[in-house]
Amino acid sequence: MEAKGETVNSAMLMGKHNIFEEKFNVPMDERLSGNGWIPPFCRAYKIKEYRRHGEAASVNLDAVKVEHVCLQVLLVKYPLKDIFNFDETGFFPFAPPDRGLATQQMKGKKTEKFCITISVACNADGSKKLPLCFIGKSAKPRCFSGKSPNNYGYQYYNNTKAWMTKEIFEERVELSAHRTCTHSLCSYIKRLDIKM
């Protein structure tokens, strides 16, 4: 695998181990359970876990501290049930692992760029979690047989980059305000004129 530049990780090693135990008809009472055998195996063959290095981003920590104080002053006016945290994460279902087991440091490979953005939201006291929101590139992904995922109960949006946009964010905030809050969070957010 190293010669091909492919990544192997512990989970893949465990999977292969289980396949070999099946193929060689190893009796159930002699099979290895758990993953405790992996560290000694790696030491015996001089295998270490290496991280594939990619792009790294940095954050201005001083600016974060200033904004943190401003946010605390702003949020003290509201009850915890009305304060929501929205976040998003990229889901790369076809991307290979970025770290793996090898006998030497390996070069990075071009990664699969297909991504679905997933938006999550929860209020500060944990009493309300909004449904997941999915953002993809296709208006009607093939796996939904030519229909929109919204027809199946998913909150789905699409755009050319599968990114969160100002319009999608505002719609999510408006949805959460109508479902959960006692005051008009929407009008407050619109007054902020969020730049995205």
N, C-alpha and C. Protein backbone atom coordinates (compact mmCIF):
# COMPACT_ATOMS: atom_id res chain seq x y z
N MET A 1 0.82 -1.19 0.00
CA MET A 1 0.00 0.00 0.00
C MET A 1 0.87 1.26 0.00
N GLU A 2 1.99 1.22 0.74
CA GLU A 2 2.87 2.39 0.78
C GLU A 2 3.40 2.71 -0.61
N ALA A 3 3.75 1.66 -1.35
CA ALA A 3 4.31 1.87 -2.69
C ALA A 3 3.30 2.58 -3.58
N LYS A 4 2.02 2.34 -3.35
CA LYS A 4 0.97 2.98 -4.13
C LYS A 4 0.60 4.34 -3.58
N GLY A 5 1.14 4.70 -2.40
CA GLY A 5 0.82 5.97 -1.77
C GLY A 5 -0.53 5.96 -1.07
N GLU A 6 -1.05 4.77 -0.77
CA GLU A 6 -2.35 4.65 -0.10
C GLU A 6 -2.17 4.65 1.42
N THR A 7 -3.20 5.03 2.12
CA THR A 7 -3.16 5.09 3.58
C THR A 7 -3.85 3.88 4.19
N VAL A 8 -3.20 3.31 5.20
CA VAL A 8 -3.77 2.20 5.95
C VAL A 8 -3.87 2.66 7.40
N ASN A 9 -5.01 2.43 8.04
CA ASN A 9 -5.12 2.80 9.45
C ASN A 9 -5.50 1.58 10.29
N SER A 10 -5.60 1.76 11.59
CA SER A 10 -5.87 0.64 12.51
C SER A 10 -7.18 -0.06 12.19
N ALA A 11 -8.22 0.72 11.86
CA ALA A 11 -9.52 0.12 11.56
C ALA A 11 -9.44 -0.79 10.34
N MET A 12 -8.67 -0.37 9.34
CA MET A 12 -8.51 -1.19 8.13
C MET A 12 -7.73 -2.46 8.46
N LEU A 13 -6.73 -2.33 9.33
CA LEU A 13 -5.93 -3.49 9.73
C LEU A 13 -6.81 -4.49 10.47
N MET A 14 -7.68 -4.00 11.34
CA MET A 14 -8.62 -4.87 12.08
C MET A 14 -9.56 -5.58 11.10
N GLY A 15 -10.06 -4.84 10.11
CA GLY A 15 -10.96 -5.44 9.13
C GLY A 15 -10.28 -6.56 8.34
N LYS A 16 -9.04 -6.31 7.92
CA LYS A 16 -8.29 -7.32 7.16
C LYS A 16 -8.01 -8.54 8.05
N HIS A 17 -7.69 -8.27 9.31
CA HIS A 17 -7.44 -9.35 10.27
C HIS A 17 -8.66 -10.26 10.39
N ASN A 18 -9.84 -9.67 10.49
CA ASN A 18 -11.08 -10.45 10.60
C ASN A 18 -11.33 -11.28 9.35
N ILE A 19 -11.03 -10.71 8.18
CA ILE A 19 -11.20 -11.44 6.92
C ILE A 19 -10.28 -12.66 6.88
N PHE A 20 -9.00 -12.47 7.29
CA PHE A 20 -8.05 -13.59 7.28
C PHE A 20 -8.46 -14.68 8.27
N GLU A 21 -8.97 -14.29 9.44
CA GLU A 21 -9.42 -15.30 10.40
C GLU A 21 -10.56 -16.14 9.82
N GLU A 22 -11.46 -15.49 9.07
CA GLU A 22 -12.55 -16.22 8.42
C GLU A 22 -12.03 -17.15 7.33
N LYS A 23 -11.14 -16.62 6.47
CA LYS A 23 -10.63 -17.40 5.33
C LYS A 23 -9.84 -18.62 5.79
N PHE A 24 -9.05 -18.47 6.88
CA PHE A 24 -8.22 -19.57 7.37
C PHE A 24 -8.94 -20.41 8.43
N ASN A 25 -10.24 -20.18 8.60
CA ASN A 25 -11.06 -20.96 9.53
C ASN A 25 -10.44 -21.06 10.92
N VAL A 26 -9.98 -19.95 11.45
CA VAL A 26 -9.42 -19.93 12.80
C VAL A 26 -10.56 -20.19 13.77
N PRO A 27 -10.41 -21.18 14.69
CA PRO A 27 -11.49 -21.46 15.64
C PRO A 27 -11.84 -20.22 16.47
N MET A 28 -13.10 -20.10 16.84
CA MET A 28 -13.59 -18.91 17.56
C MET A 28 -12.83 -18.68 18.86
N ASP A 29 -12.49 -19.75 19.58
CA ASP A 29 -11.81 -19.58 20.87
C ASP A 29 -10.34 -19.16 20.72
N GLU A 30 -9.78 -19.24 19.50
CA GLU A 30 -8.39 -18.85 19.26
C GLU A 30 -8.28 -17.48 18.57
N ARG A 31 -9.40 -16.89 18.22
CA ARG A 31 -9.37 -15.60 17.52
C ARG A 31 -9.01 -14.48 18.47
N LEU A 32 -8.30 -13.49 17.93
CA LEU A 32 -7.93 -12.32 18.72
C LEU A 32 -9.14 -11.39 18.83
N SER A 33 -9.41 -10.94 20.05
CA SER A 33 -10.53 -10.01 20.22
C SER A 33 -9.97 -8.63 20.55
N GLY A 34 -10.70 -7.60 20.16
CA GLY A 34 -10.26 -6.24 20.42
C GLY A 34 -9.11 -5.83 19.51
N ASN A 35 -8.48 -4.70 19.85
CA ASN A 35 -7.37 -4.22 19.02
C ASN A 35 -6.06 -4.15 19.80
N GLY A 36 -5.97 -4.85 20.93
CA GLY A 36 -4.75 -4.84 21.74
C GLY A 36 -3.54 -5.44 21.05
N TRP A 37 -3.76 -6.23 20.00
CA TRP A 37 -2.65 -6.85 19.28
C TRP A 37 -1.97 -5.88 18.30
N ILE A 38 -2.62 -4.76 17.99
CA ILE A 38 -2.09 -3.86 16.98
C ILE A 38 -0.78 -3.18 17.41
N PRO A 39 -0.67 -2.58 18.62
CA PRO A 39 0.61 -1.95 19.01
C PRO A 39 1.82 -2.89 18.97
N PRO A 40 1.73 -4.14 19.53
CA PRO A 40 2.89 -5.03 19.42
C PRO A 40 3.22 -5.40 17.96
N PHE A 41 2.18 -5.59 17.16
CA PHE A 41 2.36 -5.91 15.75
C PHE A 41 3.13 -4.77 15.05
N CYS A 42 2.70 -3.53 15.33
CA CYS A 42 3.35 -2.37 14.71
C CYS A 42 4.79 -2.23 15.17
N ARG A 43 5.05 -2.47 16.47
CA ARG A 43 6.44 -2.39 16.97
C ARG A 43 7.32 -3.43 16.30
N ALA A 44 6.79 -4.65 16.15
CA ALA A 44 7.58 -5.74 15.56
C ALA A 44 7.98 -5.44 14.12
N TYR A 45 7.11 -4.74 13.38
CA TYR A 45 7.40 -4.44 11.97
C TYR A 45 7.80 -2.98 11.74
N LYS A 46 8.14 -2.27 12.86
CA LYS A 46 8.59 -0.87 12.79
C LYS A 46 7.59 0.01 12.03
N ILE A 47 6.32 -0.16 12.37
CA ILE A 47 5.25 0.62 11.75
C ILE A 47 4.80 1.68 12.74
N LYS A 48 4.68 2.92 12.28
CA LYS A 48 4.20 4.01 13.12
C LYS A 48 3.02 4.67 12.43
N GLU A 49 2.28 5.48 13.20
CA GLU A 49 1.19 6.24 12.61
C GLU A 49 1.72 7.60 12.21
N TYR A 50 1.55 7.94 10.95
CA TYR A 50 1.99 9.23 10.42
C TYR A 50 0.78 10.01 9.95
N ARG A 51 0.83 11.30 10.18
CA ARG A 51 -0.24 12.17 9.69
C ARG A 51 0.18 12.74 8.34
N ARG A 52 -0.75 12.73 7.41
CA ARG A 52 -0.48 13.36 6.11
C ARG A 52 -0.69 14.85 6.27
N HIS A 53 0.29 15.59 5.95
CA HIS A 53 0.22 17.03 6.15
C HIS A 53 -0.51 17.70 5.00
N GLY A 54 -1.40 18.60 5.37
CA GLY A 54 -2.17 19.34 4.36
C GLY A 54 -2.13 20.81 4.69
N GLU A 55 -3.18 21.50 4.32
CA GLU A 55 -3.23 22.94 4.57
C GLU A 55 -3.58 23.18 6.03
N ALA A 56 -2.98 24.19 6.61
CA ALA A 56 -3.28 24.54 8.00
C ALA A 56 -3.70 26.00 8.05
N ALA A 57 -4.69 26.27 8.89
CA ALA A 57 -5.17 27.64 9.03
C ALA A 57 -4.80 28.15 10.42
N SER A 58 -4.67 29.45 10.53
CA SER A 58 -4.36 30.03 11.83
C SER A 58 -5.44 31.03 12.20
N VAL A 59 -5.56 31.27 13.49
CA VAL A 59 -6.58 32.16 14.01
C VAL A 59 -5.90 33.25 14.84
N ASN A 60 -6.39 34.48 14.73
CA ASN A 60 -5.87 35.58 15.54
C ASN A 60 -6.50 35.46 16.94
N LEU A 61 -5.74 34.92 17.90
CA LEU A 61 -6.28 34.65 19.23
C LEU A 61 -6.64 35.92 19.99
N ASP A 62 -5.94 37.03 19.73
CA ASP A 62 -6.27 38.30 20.40
C ASP A 62 -7.65 38.78 19.99
N ALA A 63 -7.96 38.67 18.71
CA ALA A 63 -9.27 39.08 18.21
C ALA A 63 -10.37 38.20 18.79
N VAL A 64 -10.07 36.91 18.98
CA VAL A 64 -11.04 35.98 19.55
C VAL A 64 -11.38 36.40 20.98
N LYS A 65 -10.36 36.75 21.77
CA LYS A 65 -10.59 37.17 23.16
C LYS A 65 -11.49 38.41 23.23
N VAL A 66 -11.23 39.40 22.37
CA VAL A 66 -12.03 40.63 22.36
C VAL A 66 -13.48 40.31 22.01
N GLU A 67 -13.69 39.50 20.97
CA GLU A 67 -15.05 39.16 20.55
C GLU A 67 -15.76 38.30 21.60
N HIS A 68 -15.02 37.49 22.31
CA HIS A 68 -15.60 36.65 23.36
C HIS A 68 -16.21 37.52 24.45
N VAL A 69 -15.51 38.57 24.86
CA VAL A 69 -16.02 39.50 25.87
C VAL A 69 -17.27 40.22 25.36
N CYS A 70 -17.23 40.70 24.12
CA CYS A 70 -18.39 41.39 23.51
C CYS A 70 -19.60 40.46 23.47
N LEU A 71 -19.38 39.20 23.13
CA LEU A 71 -20.46 38.23 23.04
C LEU A 71 -21.08 37.97 24.41
N GLN A 72 -20.26 37.88 25.43
CA GLN A 72 -20.78 37.65 26.79
C GLN A 72 -21.68 38.80 27.23
N VAL A 73 -21.29 40.02 26.92
CA VAL A 73 -22.09 41.20 27.28
C VAL A 73 -23.43 41.16 26.55
N LEU A 74 -23.41 40.79 25.29
CA LEU A 74 -24.63 40.74 24.47
C LEU A 74 -25.58 39.64 24.95
N LEU A 75 -25.05 38.47 25.30
CA LEU A 75 -25.89 37.32 25.61
C LEU A 75 -26.46 37.32 27.02
N VAL A 76 -25.93 38.13 27.91
CA VAL A 76 -26.40 38.14 29.30
C VAL A 76 -27.87 38.56 29.40
N LYS A 77 -28.39 39.22 28.38
CA LYS A 77 -29.79 39.71 28.37
C LYS A 77 -30.81 38.60 28.11
N TYR A 78 -30.37 37.46 27.62
CA TYR A 78 -31.30 36.44 27.16
C TYR A 78 -31.22 35.17 28.03
N PRO A 79 -32.35 34.47 28.19
CA PRO A 79 -32.30 33.18 28.91
C PRO A 79 -31.57 32.14 28.06
N LEU A 80 -30.99 31.14 28.72
CA LEU A 80 -30.20 30.12 28.02
C LEU A 80 -31.01 29.39 26.95
N LYS A 81 -32.31 29.20 27.19
CA LYS A 81 -33.12 28.46 26.20
C LYS A 81 -33.26 29.22 24.88
N ASP A 82 -33.01 30.55 24.90
CA ASP A 82 -33.14 31.36 23.69
C ASP A 82 -31.80 31.65 23.01
N ILE A 83 -30.72 31.10 23.54
CA ILE A 83 -29.39 31.31 22.95
C ILE A 83 -29.01 30.05 22.20
N PHE A 84 -28.84 30.17 20.89
CA PHE A 84 -28.53 29.01 20.05
C PHE A 84 -27.10 29.08 19.52
N ASN A 85 -26.50 27.93 19.41
CA ASN A 85 -25.18 27.81 18.80
C ASN A 85 -25.37 27.07 17.47
N PHE A 86 -25.05 27.75 16.38
CA PHE A 86 -25.09 27.13 15.06
C PHE A 86 -23.66 26.81 14.66
N ASP A 87 -23.47 25.65 14.09
CA ASP A 87 -22.14 25.31 13.60
C ASP A 87 -22.30 24.48 12.34
N GLU A 88 -21.24 24.35 11.61
CA GLU A 88 -21.29 23.55 10.39
C GLU A 88 -20.02 22.73 10.29
N THR A 89 -20.13 21.62 9.61
CA THR A 89 -18.97 20.76 9.40
C THR A 89 -19.04 20.20 7.99
N GLY A 90 -17.89 19.93 7.43
CA GLY A 90 -17.83 19.33 6.10
C GLY A 90 -17.76 17.82 6.23
N PHE A 91 -18.59 17.11 5.48
CA PHE A 91 -18.57 15.66 5.45
C PHE A 91 -18.02 15.23 4.10
N PHE A 92 -16.87 14.57 4.10
CA PHE A 92 -16.21 14.11 2.87
C PHE A 92 -16.31 12.59 2.82
N PRO A 93 -17.41 12.04 2.29
CA PRO A 93 -17.62 10.59 2.36
C PRO A 93 -16.63 9.76 1.54
N PHE A 94 -16.01 10.34 0.53
CA PHE A 94 -15.11 9.56 -0.32
C PHE A 94 -13.64 9.87 -0.08
N ALA A 95 -13.33 10.71 0.90
CA ALA A 95 -11.94 11.08 1.17
C ALA A 95 -11.21 9.96 1.90
N PRO A 96 -9.97 9.67 1.51
CA PRO A 96 -9.19 8.66 2.24
C PRO A 96 -8.75 9.21 3.59
N PRO A 97 -8.38 8.36 4.54
CA PRO A 97 -7.92 8.87 5.83
C PRO A 97 -6.67 9.73 5.67
N ASP A 98 -6.49 10.73 6.54
CA ASP A 98 -5.31 11.60 6.42
C ASP A 98 -4.16 11.13 7.29
N ARG A 99 -4.36 10.07 8.03
CA ARG A 99 -3.27 9.47 8.79
C ARG A 99 -3.37 7.97 8.66
N GLY A 100 -2.24 7.29 8.77
CA GLY A 100 -2.28 5.85 8.61
C GLY A 100 -0.99 5.20 9.05
N LEU A 101 -0.97 3.89 9.05
CA LEU A 101 0.18 3.12 9.49
C LEU A 101 1.13 2.91 8.33
N ALA A 102 2.42 3.14 8.57
CA ALA A 102 3.44 2.98 7.52
C ALA A 102 4.80 2.81 8.17
N THR A 103 5.77 2.34 7.41
CA THR A 103 7.13 2.19 7.92
C THR A 103 7.93 3.47 7.75
N GLN A 104 7.40 4.44 7.01
CA GLN A 104 8.09 5.71 6.80
C GLN A 104 7.07 6.81 6.51
N GLN A 105 7.52 8.08 6.64
CA GLN A 105 6.64 9.21 6.35
C GLN A 105 6.23 9.14 4.88
N MET A 106 4.94 9.34 4.62
CA MET A 106 4.45 9.24 3.25
C MET A 106 4.05 10.61 2.74
N LYS A 107 4.12 10.78 1.44
CA LYS A 107 3.71 12.03 0.81
C LYS A 107 2.19 12.09 0.76
N GLY A 108 1.67 13.30 0.78
CA GLY A 108 0.23 13.48 0.66
C GLY A 108 -0.24 13.21 -0.76
N LYS A 109 -1.50 12.83 -0.90
CA LYS A 109 -2.10 12.60 -2.22
C LYS A 109 -3.22 13.59 -2.42
N LYS A 110 -3.57 13.79 -3.65
CA LYS A 110 -4.72 14.64 -3.95
C LYS A 110 -5.96 14.00 -3.35
N THR A 111 -6.72 14.78 -2.61
CA THR A 111 -7.88 14.21 -1.92
C THR A 111 -9.15 14.39 -2.74
N GLU A 112 -10.12 13.55 -2.47
CA GLU A 112 -11.43 13.64 -3.11
C GLU A 112 -12.14 14.86 -2.56
N LYS A 113 -12.61 15.74 -3.42
CA LYS A 113 -13.17 17.02 -3.00
C LYS A 113 -14.68 17.00 -2.76
N PHE A 114 -15.36 15.90 -3.09
CA PHE A 114 -16.81 15.86 -2.91
C PHE A 114 -17.15 16.10 -1.44
N CYS A 115 -18.03 17.04 -1.19
CA CYS A 115 -18.35 17.43 0.19
C CYS A 115 -19.83 17.74 0.34
N ILE A 116 -20.35 17.38 1.50
CA ILE A 116 -21.69 17.79 1.91
C ILE A 116 -21.50 18.57 3.20
N THR A 117 -22.04 19.79 3.26
CA THR A 117 -21.95 20.58 4.48
C THR A 117 -23.15 20.23 5.36
N ILE A 118 -22.88 19.97 6.63
CA ILE A 118 -23.94 19.65 7.58
C ILE A 118 -23.96 20.73 8.63
N SER A 119 -25.13 21.31 8.83
CA SER A 119 -25.32 22.38 9.81
C SER A 119 -26.03 21.80 11.03
N VAL A 120 -25.50 22.12 12.22
CA VAL A 120 -26.10 21.65 13.46
C VAL A 120 -26.43 22.85 14.34
N ALA A 121 -27.45 22.73 15.19
CA ALA A 121 -27.82 23.83 16.08
C ALA A 121 -28.45 23.29 17.34
N CYS A 122 -28.10 23.92 18.46
CA CYS A 122 -28.62 23.53 19.76
C CYS A 122 -28.65 24.75 20.65
N ASN A 123 -29.63 24.79 21.59
CA ASN A 123 -29.65 25.95 22.49
C ASN A 123 -28.71 25.71 23.67
N ALA A 124 -28.41 26.78 24.43
CA ALA A 124 -27.37 26.74 25.47
C ALA A 124 -27.70 25.82 26.63
N ASP A 125 -28.98 25.62 26.94
CA ASP A 125 -29.30 24.72 28.05
C ASP A 125 -29.54 23.28 27.59
N GLY A 126 -29.39 23.04 26.30
CA GLY A 126 -29.51 21.68 25.75
C GLY A 126 -30.92 21.15 25.64
N SER A 127 -31.91 22.01 25.85
CA SER A 127 -33.30 21.53 25.81
C SER A 127 -33.87 21.44 24.40
N LYS A 128 -33.22 22.06 23.42
CA LYS A 128 -33.74 22.06 22.05
C LYS A 128 -32.61 21.85 21.06
N LYS A 129 -32.74 20.84 20.21
CA LYS A 129 -31.79 20.60 19.13
C LYS A 129 -32.55 20.69 17.82
N LEU A 130 -32.08 21.52 16.92
CA LEU A 130 -32.75 21.64 15.63
C LEU A 130 -32.37 20.47 14.73
N PRO A 131 -33.23 20.11 13.78
CA PRO A 131 -32.88 19.03 12.85
C PRO A 131 -31.63 19.40 12.04
N LEU A 132 -30.87 18.38 11.66
CA LEU A 132 -29.68 18.61 10.84
C LEU A 132 -30.09 19.25 9.52
N CYS A 133 -29.22 20.10 9.01
CA CYS A 133 -29.45 20.75 7.72
C CYS A 133 -28.31 20.31 6.80
N PHE A 134 -28.64 19.82 5.62
CA PHE A 134 -27.64 19.34 4.67
C PHE A 134 -27.55 20.31 3.50
N ILE A 135 -26.32 20.61 3.07
CA ILE A 135 -26.11 21.49 1.92
C ILE A 135 -25.22 20.74 0.93
N GLY A 136 -25.75 20.49 -0.25
CA GLY A 136 -25.00 19.79 -1.28
C GLY A 136 -24.95 20.59 -2.56
N LYS A 137 -24.38 19.99 -3.61
CA LYS A 137 -24.28 20.67 -4.90
C LYS A 137 -25.49 20.39 -5.79
N SER A 138 -26.05 19.20 -5.69
CA SER A 138 -27.13 18.79 -6.59
C SER A 138 -28.49 19.23 -6.06
N ALA A 139 -29.34 19.72 -6.96
CA ALA A 139 -30.70 20.08 -6.56
C ALA A 139 -31.50 18.81 -6.27
N LYS A 140 -31.28 17.78 -7.06
CA LYS A 140 -31.97 16.50 -6.87
C LYS A 140 -30.93 15.37 -6.95
N PRO A 141 -30.26 15.04 -5.85
CA PRO A 141 -29.24 13.98 -5.88
C PRO A 141 -29.81 12.66 -6.39
N ARG A 142 -29.00 11.92 -7.13
CA ARG A 142 -29.45 10.68 -7.76
C ARG A 142 -29.99 9.65 -6.77
N CYS A 143 -29.40 9.62 -5.57
CA CYS A 143 -29.82 8.61 -4.59
C CYS A 143 -31.25 8.82 -4.13
N PHE A 144 -31.86 9.97 -4.43
CA PHE A 144 -33.25 10.23 -4.04
C PHE A 144 -34.21 10.06 -5.23
N SER A 145 -33.78 9.35 -6.24
CA SER A 145 -34.62 9.00 -7.41
C SER A 145 -35.28 10.20 -8.07
N GLY A 146 -34.51 11.24 -8.32
CA GLY A 146 -35.01 12.40 -9.04
C GLY A 146 -35.87 13.33 -8.23
N LYS A 147 -36.00 13.10 -6.93
CA LYS A 147 -36.77 13.99 -6.07
C LYS A 147 -35.82 14.77 -5.17
N SER A 148 -36.34 15.81 -4.59
CA SER A 148 -35.54 16.58 -3.65
C SER A 148 -35.50 15.86 -2.30
N PRO A 149 -34.38 15.90 -1.58
CA PRO A 149 -34.33 15.30 -0.24
C PRO A 149 -35.39 15.88 0.70
N ASN A 150 -35.84 17.11 0.43
CA ASN A 150 -36.89 17.71 1.26
C ASN A 150 -38.17 16.89 1.22
N ASN A 151 -38.40 16.17 0.10
CA ASN A 151 -39.58 15.32 -0.02
C ASN A 151 -39.54 14.15 0.97
N TYR A 152 -38.33 13.82 1.45
CA TYR A 152 -38.15 12.70 2.37
C TYR A 152 -37.96 13.17 3.82
N GLY A 153 -38.20 14.45 4.07
CA GLY A 153 -38.12 14.96 5.43
C GLY A 153 -36.79 15.57 5.83
N TYR A 154 -35.83 15.63 4.91
CA TYR A 154 -34.54 16.24 5.22
C TYR A 154 -34.61 17.74 4.96
N GLN A 155 -33.88 18.52 5.75
CA GLN A 155 -33.73 19.94 5.44
C GLN A 155 -32.51 20.03 4.53
N TYR A 156 -32.74 20.26 3.26
CA TYR A 156 -31.67 20.20 2.27
C TYR A 156 -31.68 21.47 1.42
N TYR A 157 -30.48 21.99 1.20
CA TYR A 157 -30.28 23.15 0.33
C TYR A 157 -29.17 22.78 -0.65
N ASN A 158 -29.10 23.51 -1.74
CA ASN A 158 -28.00 23.25 -2.66
C ASN A 158 -27.48 24.55 -3.25
N ASN A 159 -26.19 24.55 -3.55
CA ASN A 159 -25.55 25.63 -4.31
C ASN A 159 -24.30 25.06 -4.96
N THR A 160 -23.63 25.84 -5.78
CA THR A 160 -22.53 25.31 -6.60
C THR A 160 -21.34 24.83 -5.77
N LYS A 161 -21.15 25.36 -4.57
CA LYS A 161 -19.99 24.96 -3.75
C LYS A 161 -20.37 24.11 -2.54
N ALA A 162 -21.65 23.88 -2.31
CA ALA A 162 -22.14 23.16 -1.12
C ALA A 162 -21.71 23.87 0.16
N TRP A 163 -21.75 25.20 0.15
CA TRP A 163 -21.35 26.01 1.30
C TRP A 163 -22.56 26.62 1.97
N MET A 164 -22.37 26.97 3.25
CA MET A 164 -23.37 27.76 3.96
C MET A 164 -23.32 29.17 3.41
N THR A 165 -24.46 29.72 3.06
CA THR A 165 -24.53 31.10 2.55
C THR A 165 -25.34 31.95 3.53
N LYS A 166 -25.30 33.24 3.33
CA LYS A 166 -26.05 34.16 4.19
C LYS A 166 -27.54 33.83 4.13
N GLU A 167 -28.05 33.54 2.94
CA GLU A 167 -29.48 33.26 2.76
C GLU A 167 -29.88 31.98 3.51
N ILE A 168 -29.07 30.94 3.40
CA ILE A 168 -29.38 29.69 4.09
C ILE A 168 -29.32 29.90 5.60
N PHE A 169 -28.29 30.62 6.06
CA PHE A 169 -28.15 30.88 7.49
C PHE A 169 -29.35 31.66 8.03
N GLU A 170 -29.74 32.69 7.31
CA GLU A 170 -30.89 33.49 7.76
C GLU A 170 -32.17 32.66 7.81
N GLU A 171 -32.34 31.78 6.83
CA GLU A 171 -33.53 30.93 6.82
C GLU A 171 -33.52 29.97 8.00
N ARG A 172 -32.34 29.44 8.33
CA ARG A 172 -32.21 28.54 9.49
C ARG A 172 -32.51 29.29 10.79
N VAL A 173 -32.01 30.52 10.91
CA VAL A 173 -32.25 31.32 12.12
C VAL A 173 -33.73 31.63 12.24
N GLU A 174 -34.34 31.99 11.12
CA GLU A 174 -35.77 32.30 11.13
C GLU A 174 -36.58 31.08 11.53
N LEU A 175 -36.20 29.92 11.01
CA LEU A 175 -36.87 28.67 11.35
C LEU A 175 -36.75 28.38 12.84
N SER A 176 -35.55 28.57 13.39
CA SER A 176 -35.35 28.29 14.82
C SER A 176 -36.13 29.28 15.68
N ALA A 177 -36.21 30.54 15.24
CA ALA A 177 -36.95 31.54 16.01
C ALA A 177 -38.43 31.21 16.05
N HIS A 178 -38.97 30.78 14.91
CA HIS A 178 -40.40 30.45 14.86
C HIS A 178 -40.71 29.18 15.64
N ARG A 179 -39.77 28.26 15.70
CA ARG A 179 -40.02 27.00 16.40
C ARG A 179 -39.80 27.09 17.90
N THR A 180 -38.87 27.96 18.33
CA THR A 180 -38.43 27.84 19.71
C THR A 180 -38.50 29.10 20.55
N CYS A 181 -38.22 30.26 20.00
CA CYS A 181 -38.00 31.42 20.84
C CYS A 181 -39.28 32.17 21.17
N THR A 182 -39.26 32.81 22.33
CA THR A 182 -40.41 33.59 22.75
C THR A 182 -40.34 35.01 22.21
N HIS A 183 -39.16 35.49 21.87
CA HIS A 183 -39.02 36.83 21.30
C HIS A 183 -38.59 36.71 19.84
N SER A 184 -38.66 37.81 19.11
CA SER A 184 -38.36 37.75 17.68
C SER A 184 -36.86 37.83 17.45
N LEU A 185 -36.23 36.66 17.42
CA LEU A 185 -34.80 36.57 17.15
C LEU A 185 -34.50 36.98 15.71
N CYS A 186 -35.43 36.70 14.80
CA CYS A 186 -35.22 37.01 13.38
C CYS A 186 -34.97 38.50 13.15
N SER A 187 -35.82 39.32 13.72
CA SER A 187 -35.68 40.75 13.47
C SER A 187 -34.36 41.26 14.04
N TYR A 188 -33.95 40.68 15.17
CA TYR A 188 -32.67 41.07 15.76
C TYR A 188 -31.51 40.71 14.83
N ILE A 189 -31.53 39.50 14.30
CA ILE A 189 -30.47 39.05 13.40
C ILE A 189 -30.43 39.92 12.15
N LYS A 190 -31.59 40.26 11.60
CA LYS A 190 -31.63 41.09 10.39
C LYS A 190 -31.07 42.49 10.67
N ARG A 191 -31.29 43.00 11.89
CA ARG A 191 -30.74 44.31 12.24
C ARG A 191 -29.22 44.27 12.32
N LEU A 192 -28.66 43.09 12.65
CA LEU A 192 -27.21 42.97 12.74
C LEU A 192 -26.54 43.10 11.37
N ASP A 193 -27.27 42.78 10.31
CA ASP A 193 -26.76 42.80 8.94
C ASP A 193 -25.48 41.98 8.84
N ILE A 194 -25.62 40.69 9.06
CA ILE A 194 -24.48 39.78 9.08
C ILE A 194 -23.82 39.74 7.72
N LYS A 195 -22.50 39.89 7.71
CA LYS A 195 -21.71 39.78 6.46
C LYS A 195 -21.12 38.40 6.40
N MET A 196 -21.43 37.65 5.33
CA MET A 196 -20.87 36.31 5.18
C MET A 196 -20.10 36.23 3.89
